[in-house]
């Protein structure tokens, strides 16, 4: 009898389009969705390796590689034709994920 009642409720809810569960509100869009300009995986991977390095020598080598990789990523944002403050501010905002990797 209990199964009949459960299935009956499901049927009625299906007919009237009323779900048993209410969908949660959509939260804020993740920042990484906006990362279209540059692939930050190499930087993030180096940060992960630095944090997990077993020796100071290995950590030092990884930090040097991170520095070189960080500069290569920054070069992708460089534009010699930008002279207006708003354009500089826009690029500075786009650099936030790169800055966050550096701070990690």
PDB file of N, CA and C in Angstrom:
ATOM      1  N   UNK A   1       0.819  -1.192   0.000  1.00  0.00           N
ATOM      2  CA  UNK A   1       0.000   0.000   0.000  1.00  0.00           C
ATOM      3  C   UNK A   1       0.869   1.263   0.000  1.00  0.00           C
ATOM      4  N   UNK A   2       2.000   1.194   0.731  1.00  0.00           N
ATOM      5  CA  UNK A   2       2.883   2.358   0.808  1.00  0.00           C
ATOM      6  C   UNK A   2       3.496   2.655  -0.553  1.00  0.00           C
ATOM      7  N   UNK A   3       3.908   1.616  -1.266  1.00  0.00           N
ATOM      8  CA  UNK A   3       4.492   1.809  -2.600  1.00  0.00           C
ATOM      9  C   UNK A   3       3.463   2.433  -3.536  1.00  0.00           C
ATOM     10  N   UNK A   4       2.204   2.010  -3.424  1.00  0.00           N
ATOM     11  CA  UNK A   4       1.139   2.566  -4.249  1.00  0.00           C
ATOM     12  C   UNK A   4       1.025   4.082  -4.008  1.00  0.00           C
ATOM     13  N   UNK A   5       1.058   4.493  -2.747  1.00  0.00           N
ATOM     14  CA  UNK A   5       0.932   5.916  -2.414  1.00  0.00           C
ATOM     15  C   UNK A   5       2.118   6.713  -2.938  1.00  0.00           C
ATOM     16  N   UNK A   6       3.319   6.151  -2.811  1.00  0.00           N
ATOM     17  CA  UNK A   6       4.519   6.834  -3.324  1.00  0.00           C
ATOM     18  C   UNK A   6       4.443   7.007  -4.839  1.00  0.00           C
ATOM     19  N   UNK A   7       4.077   5.947  -5.520  1.00  0.00           N
ATOM     20  CA  UNK A   7       3.978   6.007  -6.977  1.00  0.00           C
ATOM     21  C   UNK A   7       2.845   6.929  -7.418  1.00  0.00           C
ATOM     22  N   UNK A   8       1.751   6.934  -6.682  1.00  0.00           N
ATOM     23  CA  UNK A   8       0.624   7.819  -6.996  1.00  0.00           C
ATOM     24  C   UNK A   8       1.068   9.276  -6.871  1.00  0.00           C
ATOM     25  N   UNK A   9       1.799   9.578  -5.811  1.00  0.00           N
ATOM     26  CA  UNK A   9       2.298  10.945  -5.629  1.00  0.00           C
ATOM     27  C   UNK A   9       3.232  11.335  -6.773  1.00  0.00           C
ATOM     28  N   UNK A  10       4.120  10.415  -7.163  1.00  0.00           N
ATOM     29  CA  UNK A  10       5.026  10.687  -8.290  1.00  0.00           C
ATOM     30  C   UNK A  10       4.242  10.972  -9.564  1.00  0.00           C
ATOM     31  N   UNK A  11       3.190  10.181  -9.798  1.00  0.00           N
ATOM     32  CA  UNK A  11       2.357  10.365 -10.985  1.00  0.00           C
ATOM     33  C   UNK A  11       1.692  11.740 -10.978  1.00  0.00           C
ATOM     34  N   UNK A  12       1.087  12.105  -9.864  1.00  0.00           N
ATOM     35  CA  UNK A  12       0.407  13.405  -9.763  1.00  0.00           C
ATOM     36  C   UNK A  12       1.412  14.543  -9.946  1.00  0.00           C
ATOM     37  N   UNK A  13       2.562  14.435  -9.305  1.00  0.00           N
ATOM     38  CA  UNK A  13       3.586  15.485  -9.442  1.00  0.00           C
ATOM     39  C   UNK A  13       4.060  15.584 -10.897  1.00  0.00           C
ATOM     40  N   UNK A  14       4.204  14.457 -11.556  1.00  0.00           N
ATOM     41  CA  UNK A  14       4.622  14.441 -12.952  1.00  0.00           C
ATOM     42  C   UNK A  14       3.569  15.099 -13.843  1.00  0.00           C
ATOM     43  N   UNK A  15       2.306  14.806 -13.608  1.00  0.00           N
ATOM     44  CA  UNK A  15       1.216  15.377 -14.413  1.00  0.00           C
ATOM     45  C   UNK A  15       1.188  16.898 -14.281  1.00  0.00           C
ATOM     46  N   UNK A  16       1.339  17.388 -13.054  1.00  0.00           N
ATOM     47  CA  UNK A  16       1.233  18.826 -12.808  1.00  0.00           C
ATOM     48  C   UNK A  16       2.584  19.558 -12.841  1.00  0.00           C
ATOM     49  N   UNK A  17       3.658  18.841 -13.156  1.00  0.00           N
ATOM     50  CA  UNK A  17       4.968  19.475 -13.288  1.00  0.00           C
ATOM     51  C   UNK A  17       5.511  20.021 -11.973  1.00  0.00           C
ATOM     52  N   UNK A  18       5.198  19.368 -10.860  1.00  0.00           N
ATOM     53  CA  UNK A  18       5.678  19.801  -9.543  1.00  0.00           C
ATOM     54  C   UNK A  18       6.655  18.757  -9.015  1.00  0.00           C
ATOM     55  N   UNK A  19       7.915  19.079  -9.031  1.00  0.00           N
ATOM     56  CA  UNK A  19       8.950  18.148  -8.593  1.00  0.00           C
ATOM     57  C   UNK A  19       8.925  17.963  -7.083  1.00  0.00           C
ATOM     58  N   UNK A  20       9.417  16.818  -6.652  1.00  0.00           N
ATOM     59  CA  UNK A  20       9.534  16.551  -5.208  1.00  0.00           C
ATOM     60  C   UNK A  20      10.597  17.462  -4.603  1.00  0.00           C
ATOM     61  N   UNK A  21      11.667  17.665  -5.346  1.00  0.00           N
ATOM     62  CA  UNK A  21      12.791  18.450  -4.857  1.00  0.00           C
ATOM     63  C   UNK A  21      12.839  19.799  -5.550  1.00  0.00           C
ATOM     64  N   UNK A  22      13.146  20.835  -4.794  1.00  0.00           N
ATOM     65  CA  UNK A  22      13.283  22.178  -5.343  1.00  0.00           C
ATOM     66  C   UNK A  22      14.748  22.397  -5.713  1.00  0.00           C
ATOM     67  N   UNK A  23      14.986  22.922  -6.917  1.00  0.00           N
ATOM     68  CA  UNK A  23      16.349  23.194  -7.348  1.00  0.00           C
ATOM     69  C   UNK A  23      16.918  24.354  -6.530  1.00  0.00           C
ATOM     70  N   UNK A  24      18.185  24.267  -6.153  1.00  0.00           N
ATOM     71  CA  UNK A  24      18.795  25.379  -5.414  1.00  0.00           C
ATOM     72  C   UNK A  24      19.029  26.564  -6.346  1.00  0.00           C
ATOM     73  N   UNK A  25      19.160  27.746  -5.743  1.00  0.00           N
ATOM     74  CA  UNK A  25      19.447  28.935  -6.537  1.00  0.00           C
ATOM     75  C   UNK A  25      20.840  28.816  -7.141  1.00  0.00           C
ATOM     76  N   UNK A  26      20.996  29.403  -8.306  1.00  0.00           N
ATOM     77  CA  UNK A  26      22.278  29.403  -8.981  1.00  0.00           C
ATOM     78  C   UNK A  26      23.225  30.350  -8.255  1.00  0.00           C
ATOM     79  N   UNK A  27      24.420  29.887  -7.942  1.00  0.00           N
ATOM     80  CA  UNK A  27      25.407  30.701  -7.232  1.00  0.00           C
ATOM     81  C   UNK A  27      26.189  31.588  -8.191  1.00  0.00           C
ATOM     82  N   UNK A  28      27.262  32.176  -7.684  1.00  0.00           N
ATOM     83  CA  UNK A  28      28.122  33.033  -8.505  1.00  0.00           C
ATOM     84  C   UNK A  28      28.893  32.195  -9.515  1.00  0.00           C
ATOM     85  N   UNK A  29      29.122  32.785 -10.663  1.00  0.00           N
ATOM     86  CA  UNK A  29      29.869  32.108 -11.721  1.00  0.00           C
ATOM     87  C   UNK A  29      31.338  31.995 -11.299  1.00  0.00           C
ATOM     88  N   UNK A  30      31.930  30.815 -11.425  1.00  0.00           N
ATOM     89  CA  UNK A  30      33.341  30.651 -11.052  1.00  0.00           C
ATOM     90  C   UNK A  30      34.243  31.520 -11.929  1.00  0.00           C
ATOM     91  N   UNK A  31      35.308  32.054 -11.322  1.00  0.00           N
ATOM     92  CA  UNK A  31      36.233  32.921 -12.057  1.00  0.00           C
ATOM     93  C   UNK A  31      36.895  32.197 -13.219  1.00  0.00           C
ATOM     94  N   UNK A  32      37.155  30.908 -13.061  1.00  0.00           N
ATOM     95  CA  UNK A  32      37.884  30.190 -14.104  1.00  0.00           C
ATOM     96  C   UNK A  32      37.097  30.075 -15.402  1.00  0.00           C
ATOM     97  N   UNK A  33      35.796  30.324 -15.362  1.00  0.00           N
ATOM     98  CA  UNK A  33      35.018  30.301 -16.605  1.00  0.00           C
ATOM     99  C   UNK A  33      35.416  31.434 -17.535  1.00  0.00           C
ATOM    100  N   UNK A  34      35.953  32.493 -16.974  1.00  0.00           N
ATOM    101  CA  UNK A  34      36.350  33.647 -17.766  1.00  0.00           C
ATOM    102  C   UNK A  34      37.774  33.531 -18.299  1.00  0.00           C
ATOM    103  N   UNK A  35      38.496  32.499 -17.919  1.00  0.00           N
ATOM    104  CA  UNK A  35      39.883  32.336 -18.337  1.00  0.00           C
ATOM    105  C   UNK A  35      39.954  31.819 -19.770  1.00  0.00           C
ATOM    106  N   UNK A  36      39.747  32.719 -20.713  1.00  0.00           N
ATOM    107  CA  UNK A  36      39.777  32.319 -22.118  1.00  0.00           C
ATOM    108  C   UNK A  36      41.110  32.635 -22.771  1.00  0.00           C
ATOM    109  N   UNK A  37      41.820  33.595 -22.220  1.00  0.00           N
ATOM    110  CA  UNK A  37      43.009  34.083 -22.883  1.00  0.00           C
ATOM    111  C   UNK A  37      44.209  33.132 -22.739  1.00  0.00           C
ATOM    112  N   UNK A  38      44.370  32.536 -21.574  1.00  0.00           N
ATOM    113  CA  UNK A  38      45.581  31.768 -21.307  1.00  0.00           C
ATOM    114  C   UNK A  38      45.262  30.485 -20.555  1.00  0.00           C
ATOM    115  N   UNK A  39      45.983  29.447 -20.884  1.00  0.00           N
ATOM    116  CA  UNK A  39      45.887  28.189 -20.156  1.00  0.00           C
ATOM    117  C   UNK A  39      46.796  28.287 -18.935  1.00  0.00           C
ATOM    118  N   UNK A  40      46.198  28.289 -17.754  1.00  0.00           N
ATOM    119  CA  UNK A  40      46.974  28.430 -16.524  1.00  0.00           C
ATOM    120  C   UNK A  40      47.365  27.085 -15.913  1.00  0.00           C
ATOM    121  N   UNK A  41      47.036  25.997 -16.582  1.00  0.00           N
ATOM    122  CA  UNK A  41      47.366  24.687 -16.024  1.00  0.00           C
ATOM    123  C   UNK A  41      48.857  24.524 -15.735  1.00  0.00           C
ATOM    124  N   UNK A  42      49.762  24.927 -16.642  1.00  0.00           N
ATOM    125  CA  UNK A  42      51.189  24.752 -16.330  1.00  0.00           C
ATOM    126  C   UNK A  42      51.609  25.482 -15.052  1.00  0.00           C
ATOM    127  N   UNK A  43      51.089  26.691 -14.851  1.00  0.00           N
ATOM    128  CA  UNK A  43      51.426  27.429 -13.629  1.00  0.00           C
ATOM    129  C   UNK A  43      50.864  26.727 -12.390  1.00  0.00           C
ATOM    130  N   UNK A  44      49.601  26.341 -12.474  1.00  0.00           N
ATOM    131  CA  UNK A  44      48.964  25.694 -11.328  1.00  0.00           C
ATOM    132  C   UNK A  44      49.633  24.357 -11.015  1.00  0.00           C
ATOM    133  N   UNK A  45      50.064  23.656 -12.046  1.00  0.00           N
ATOM    134  CA  UNK A  45      50.743  22.381 -11.844  1.00  0.00           C
ATOM    135  C   UNK A  45      52.093  22.598 -11.167  1.00  0.00           C
ATOM    136  N   UNK A  46      52.804  23.640 -11.576  1.00  0.00           N
ATOM    137  CA  UNK A  46      54.090  23.926 -10.930  1.00  0.00           C
ATOM    138  C   UNK A  46      53.901  24.326  -9.472  1.00  0.00           C
ATOM    139  N   UNK A  47      52.853  25.085  -9.170  1.00  0.00           N
ATOM    140  CA  UNK A  47      52.565  25.446  -7.777  1.00  0.00           C
ATOM    141  C   UNK A  47      52.321  24.186  -6.961  1.00  0.00           C
ATOM    142  N   UNK A  48      51.549  23.262  -7.525  1.00  0.00           N
ATOM    143  CA  UNK A  48      51.262  22.004  -6.833  1.00  0.00           C
ATOM    144  C   UNK A  48      52.555  21.219  -6.583  1.00  0.00           C
ATOM    145  N   UNK A  49      53.431  21.184  -7.585  1.00  0.00           N
ATOM    146  CA  UNK A  49      54.693  20.459  -7.441  1.00  0.00           C
ATOM    147  C   UNK A  49      55.607  21.118  -6.408  1.00  0.00           C
ATOM    148  N   UNK A  50      55.619  22.462  -6.403  1.00  0.00           N
ATOM    149  CA  UNK A  50      56.447  23.187  -5.425  1.00  0.00           C
ATOM    150  C   UNK A  50      55.994  22.871  -4.009  1.00  0.00           C
ATOM    151  N   UNK A  51      54.679  22.902  -3.804  1.00  0.00           N
ATOM    152  CA  UNK A  51      54.145  22.630  -2.461  1.00  0.00           C
ATOM    153  C   UNK A  51      54.441  21.200  -2.023  1.00  0.00           C
ATOM    154  N   UNK A  52      54.537  20.264  -2.965  1.00  0.00           N
ATOM    155  CA  UNK A  52      54.761  18.865  -2.628  1.00  0.00           C
ATOM    156  C   UNK A  52      56.204  18.412  -2.757  1.00  0.00           C
ATOM    157  N   UNK A  53      57.114  19.351  -3.065  1.00  0.00           N
ATOM    158  CA  UNK A  53      58.521  18.982  -3.268  1.00  0.00           C
ATOM    159  C   UNK A  53      59.110  18.385  -1.995  1.00  0.00           C
ATOM    160  N   UNK A  54      59.906  17.334  -2.177  1.00  0.00           N
ATOM    161  CA  UNK A  54      60.469  16.611  -1.036  1.00  0.00           C
ATOM    162  C   UNK A  54      61.801  17.181  -0.566  1.00  0.00           C
ATOM    163  N   UNK A  55      62.435  18.013  -1.383  1.00  0.00           N
ATOM    164  CA  UNK A  55      63.729  18.573  -0.977  1.00  0.00           C
ATOM    165  C   UNK A  55      63.815  20.040  -1.394  1.00  0.00           C
ATOM    166  N   UNK A  56      64.723  20.735  -0.756  1.00  0.00           N
ATOM    167  CA  UNK A  56      64.949  22.150  -1.058  1.00  0.00           C
ATOM    168  C   UNK A  56      65.475  22.311  -2.488  1.00  0.00           C
ATOM    169  N   UNK A  57      66.348  21.398  -2.923  1.00  0.00           N
ATOM    170  CA  UNK A  57      66.902  21.487  -4.280  1.00  0.00           C
ATOM    171  C   UNK A  57      65.798  21.371  -5.327  1.00  0.00           C
ATOM    172  N   UNK A  58      64.930  20.399  -5.138  1.00  0.00           N
ATOM    173  CA  UNK A  58      63.837  20.222  -6.096  1.00  0.00           C
ATOM    174  C   UNK A  58      62.909  21.438  -6.079  1.00  0.00           C
ATOM    175  N   UNK A  59      62.631  21.943  -4.886  1.00  0.00           N
ATOM    176  CA  UNK A  59      61.775  23.115  -4.753  1.00  0.00           C
ATOM    177  C   UNK A  59      62.407  24.320  -5.469  1.00  0.00           C
ATOM    178  N   UNK A  60      63.707  24.497  -5.320  1.00  0.00           N
ATOM    179  CA  UNK A  60      64.413  25.611  -5.960  1.00  0.00           C
ATOM    180  C   UNK A  60      64.316  25.514  -7.483  1.00  0.00           C
ATOM    181  N   UNK A  61      64.529  24.331  -8.015  1.00  0.00           N
ATOM    182  CA  UNK A  61      64.434  24.127  -9.469  1.00  0.00           C
ATOM    183  C   UNK A  61      63.024  24.428  -9.962  1.00  0.00           C
ATOM    184  N   UNK A  62      62.029  23.944  -9.230  1.00  0.00           N
ATOM    185  CA  UNK A  62      60.629  24.183  -9.622  1.00  0.00           C
ATOM    186  C   UNK A  62      60.268  25.664  -9.545  1.00  0.00           C
ATOM    187  N   UNK A  63      60.799  26.358  -8.549  1.00  0.00           N
ATOM    188  CA  UNK A  63      60.532  27.799  -8.425  1.00  0.00           C
ATOM    189  C   UNK A  63      61.127  28.545  -9.618  1.00  0.00           C
ATOM    190  N   UNK A  64      62.311  28.145 -10.051  1.00  0.00           N
ATOM    191  CA  UNK A  64      62.920  28.773 -11.227  1.00  0.00           C
ATOM    192  C   UNK A  64      62.076  28.509 -12.474  1.00  0.00           C
ATOM    193  N   UNK A  65      61.598  27.263 -12.617  1.00  0.00           N
ATOM    194  CA  UNK A  65      60.726  26.942 -13.753  1.00  0.00           C
ATOM    195  C   UNK A  65      59.431  27.740 -13.686  1.00  0.00           C
ATOM    196  N   UNK A  66      58.894  27.893 -12.468  1.00  0.00           N
ATOM    197  CA  UNK A  66      57.675  28.676 -12.297  1.00  0.00           C
ATOM    198  C   UNK A  66      57.900  30.113 -12.747  1.00  0.00           C
ATOM    199  N   UNK A  67      59.037  30.693 -12.353  1.00  0.00           N
ATOM    200  CA  UNK A  67      59.344  32.077 -12.747  1.00  0.00           C
ATOM    201  C   UNK A  67      59.372  32.240 -14.254  1.00  0.00           C
ATOM    202  N   UNK A  68      60.026  31.321 -14.931  1.00  0.00           N
ATOM    203  CA  UNK A  68      60.104  31.383 -16.395  1.00  0.00           C
ATOM    204  C   UNK A  68      58.725  31.201 -17.027  1.00  0.00           C
ATOM    205  N   UNK A  69      57.949  30.250 -16.515  1.00  0.00           N
ATOM    206  CA  UNK A  69      56.607  29.996 -17.044  1.00  0.00           C
ATOM    207  C   UNK A  69      55.689  31.185 -16.776  1.00  0.00           C
ATOM    208  N   UNK A  70      55.831  31.791 -15.617  1.00  0.00           N
ATOM    209  CA  UNK A  70      55.012  32.953 -15.250  1.00  0.00           C
ATOM    210  C   UNK A  70      55.266  34.105 -16.223  1.00  0.00           C
ATOM    211  N   UNK A  71      56.512  34.332 -16.552  1.00  0.00           N
ATOM    212  CA  UNK A  71      56.854  35.397 -17.510  1.00  0.00           C
ATOM    213  C   UNK A  71      56.253  35.096 -18.878  1.00  0.00           C
ATOM    214  N   UNK A  72      56.303  33.832 -19.309  1.00  0.00           N
ATOM    215  CA  UNK A  72      55.708  33.469 -20.604  1.00  0.00           C
ATOM    216  C   UNK A  72      54.201  33.736 -20.609  1.00  0.00           C
ATOM    217  N   UNK A  73      53.533  33.436 -19.514  1.00  0.00           N
ATOM    218  CA  UNK A  73      52.089  33.704 -19.433  1.00  0.00           C
ATOM    219  C   UNK A  73      51.833  35.206 -19.473  1.00  0.00           C
ATOM    220  N   UNK A  74      52.639  35.978 -18.747  1.00  0.00           N
ATOM    221  CA  UNK A  74      52.458  37.436 -18.734  1.00  0.00           C
ATOM    222  C   UNK A  74      52.659  38.035 -20.125  1.00  0.00           C
ATOM    223  N   UNK A  75      53.554  37.461 -20.909  1.00  0.00           N
ATOM    224  CA  UNK A  75      53.802  37.953 -22.268  1.00  0.00           C
ATOM    225  C   UNK A  75      52.547  37.861 -23.146  1.00  0.00           C
ATOM    226  N   UNK A  76      51.681  36.894 -22.867  1.00  0.00           N
ATOM    227  CA  UNK A  76      50.479  36.743 -23.685  1.00  0.00           C
ATOM    228  C   UNK A  76      49.508  37.898 -23.464  1.00  0.00           C
ATOM    229  N   UNK A  77      49.665  38.623 -22.371  1.00  0.00           N
ATOM    230  CA  UNK A  77      48.789  39.759 -22.081  1.00  0.00           C
ATOM    231  C   UNK A  77      49.369  41.077 -22.578  1.00  0.00           C
ATOM    232  N   UNK A  78      50.618  41.082 -22.983  1.00  0.00           N
ATOM    233  CA  UNK A  78      51.287  42.317 -23.393  1.00  0.00           C
ATOM    234  C   UNK A  78      50.739  42.809 -24.728  1.00  0.00           C
ATOM    235  N   UNK A  79      50.469  44.104 -24.780  1.00  0.00           N
ATOM    236  CA  UNK A  79      50.028  44.756 -26.008  1.00  0.00           C
ATOM    237  C   UNK A  79      50.643  46.151 -26.031  1.00  0.00           C
ATOM    238  N   UNK A  80      51.604  46.377 -26.936  1.00  0.00           N
ATOM    239  CA  UNK A  80      52.331  47.651 -26.958  1.00  0.00           C
ATOM    240  C   UNK A  80      51.458  48.824 -27.392  1.00  0.00           C
ATOM    241  N   UNK A  81      50.307  48.562 -27.994  1.00  0.00           N
ATOM    242  CA  UNK A  81      49.451  49.637 -28.485  1.00  0.00           C
ATOM    243  C   UNK A  81      48.505  50.206 -27.424  1.00  0.00           C
ATOM    244  N   UNK A  82      48.479  49.628 -26.264  1.00  0.00           N
ATOM    245  CA  UNK A  82      47.572  50.105 -25.212  1.00  0.00           C
ATOM    246  C   UNK A  82      48.159  51.340 -24.553  1.00  0.00           C
ATOM    247  N   UNK A  83      47.367  52.414 -24.565  1.00  0.00           N
ATOM    248  CA  UNK A  83      47.819  53.663 -23.971  1.00  0.00           C
ATOM    249  C   UNK A  83      46.758  54.266 -23.054  1.00  0.00           C
ATOM    250  N   UNK A  84      45.531  53.828 -23.179  1.00  0.00           N
ATOM    251  CA  UNK A  84      44.428  54.402 -22.410  1.00  0.00           C
ATOM    252  C   UNK A  84      44.317  53.670 -21.075  1.00  0.00           C
ATOM    253  N   UNK A  85      44.081  54.434 -20.006  1.00  0.00           N
ATOM    254  CA  UNK A  85      43.994  53.868 -18.673  1.00  0.00           C
ATOM    255  C   UNK A  85      42.939  52.788 -18.537  1.00  0.00           C
ATOM    256  N   UNK A  86      41.806  52.953 -19.226  1.00  0.00           N
ATOM    257  CA  UNK A  86      40.740  51.949 -19.132  1.00  0.00           C
ATOM    258  C   UNK A  86      41.187  50.613 -19.699  1.00  0.00           C
ATOM    259  N   UNK A  87      41.956  50.656 -20.784  1.00  0.00           N
ATOM    260  CA  UNK A  87      42.451  49.409 -21.373  1.00  0.00           C
ATOM    261  C   UNK A  87      43.450  48.730 -20.442  1.00  0.00           C
ATOM    262  N   UNK A  88      44.311  49.545 -19.813  1.00  0.00           N
ATOM    263  CA  UNK A  88      45.277  48.997 -18.861  1.00  0.00           C
ATOM    264  C   UNK A  88      44.533  48.374 -17.684  1.00  0.00           C
ATOM    265  N   UNK A  89      43.518  49.060 -17.192  1.00  0.00           N
ATOM    266  CA  UNK A  89      42.731  48.548 -16.070  1.00  0.00           C
ATOM    267  C   UNK A  89      42.038  47.242 -16.434  1.00  0.00           C
ATOM    268  N   UNK A  90      41.527  47.160 -17.667  1.00  0.00           N
ATOM    269  CA  UNK A  90      40.854  45.936 -18.121  1.00  0.00           C
ATOM    270  C   UNK A  90      41.837  44.759 -18.118  1.00  0.00           C
ATOM    271  N   UNK A  91      43.025  44.984 -18.652  1.00  0.00           N
ATOM    272  CA  UNK A  91      44.027  43.910 -18.701  1.00  0.00           C
ATOM    273  C   UNK A  91      44.471  43.550 -17.280  1.00  0.00           C
ATOM    274  N   UNK A  92      44.593  44.542 -16.421  1.00  0.00           N
ATOM    275  CA  UNK A  92      44.966  44.261 -15.031  1.00  0.00           C
ATOM    276  C   UNK A  92      43.929  43.342 -14.381  1.00  0.00           C
ATOM    277  N   UNK A  93      42.667  43.593 -14.676  1.00  0.00           N
ATOM    278  CA  UNK A  93      41.611  42.725 -14.168  1.00  0.00           C
ATOM    279  C   UNK A  93      41.696  41.320 -14.729  1.00  0.00           C
ATOM    280  N   UNK A  94      42.028  41.208 -16.009  1.00  0.00           N
ATOM    281  CA  UNK A  94      42.164  39.896 -16.644  1.00  0.00           C
ATOM    282  C   UNK A  94      43.345  39.108 -16.070  1.00  0.00           C
ATOM    283  N   UNK A  95      44.318  39.823 -15.509  1.00  0.00           N
ATOM    284  CA  UNK A  95      45.505  39.182 -14.948  1.00  0.00           C
ATOM    285  C   UNK A  95      45.273  38.577 -13.564  1.00  0.00           C
ATOM    286  N   UNK A  96      44.104  38.775 -13.005  1.00  0.00           N
ATOM    287  CA  UNK A  96      43.854  38.303 -11.641  1.00  0.00           C
ATOM    288  C   UNK A  96      44.155  36.808 -11.468  1.00  0.00           C
ATOM    289  N   UNK A  97      43.693  35.930 -12.359  1.00  0.00           N
ATOM    290  CA  UNK A  97      44.024  34.511 -12.180  1.00  0.00           C
ATOM    291  C   UNK A  97      45.532  34.237 -12.206  1.00  0.00           C
ATOM    292  N   UNK A  98      46.268  35.007 -13.020  1.00  0.00           N
ATOM    293  CA  UNK A  98      47.723  34.838 -13.093  1.00  0.00           C
ATOM    294  C   UNK A  98      48.356  35.319 -11.794  1.00  0.00           C
ATOM    295  N   UNK A  99      47.862  36.449 -11.284  1.00  0.00           N
ATOM    296  CA  UNK A  99      48.363  36.969 -10.002  1.00  0.00           C
ATOM    297  C   UNK A  99      48.078  35.979  -8.877  1.00  0.00           C
ATOM    298  N   UNK A 100      46.892  35.377  -8.913  1.00  0.00           N
ATOM    299  CA  UNK A 100      46.529  34.407  -7.875  1.00  0.00           C
ATOM    300  C   UNK A 100      47.470  33.203  -7.890  1.00  0.00           C
ATOM    301  N   UNK A 101      47.853  32.740  -9.084  1.00  0.00           N
ATOM    302  CA  UNK A 101      48.814  31.625  -9.183  1.00  0.00           C
ATOM    303  C   UNK A 101      50.158  32.039  -8.564  1.00  0.00           C
ATOM    304  N   UNK A 102      50.565  33.268  -8.841  1.00  0.00           N
ATOM    305  CA  UNK A 102      51.838  33.741  -8.299  1.00  0.00           C
ATOM    306  C   UNK A 102      51.784  33.787  -6.774  1.00  0.00           C
ATOM    307  N   UNK A 103      50.656  34.244  -6.227  1.00  0.00           N
ATOM    308  CA  UNK A 103      50.532  34.330  -4.770  1.00  0.00           C
ATOM    309  C   UNK A 103      50.453  32.951  -4.121  1.00  0.00           C
ATOM    310  N   UNK A 104      49.935  31.988  -4.832  1.00  0.00           N
ATOM    311  CA  UNK A 104      49.909  30.614  -4.292  1.00  0.00           C
ATOM    312  C   UNK A 104      51.325  30.121  -4.075  1.00  0.00           C
TER     313      UNK A 104
END
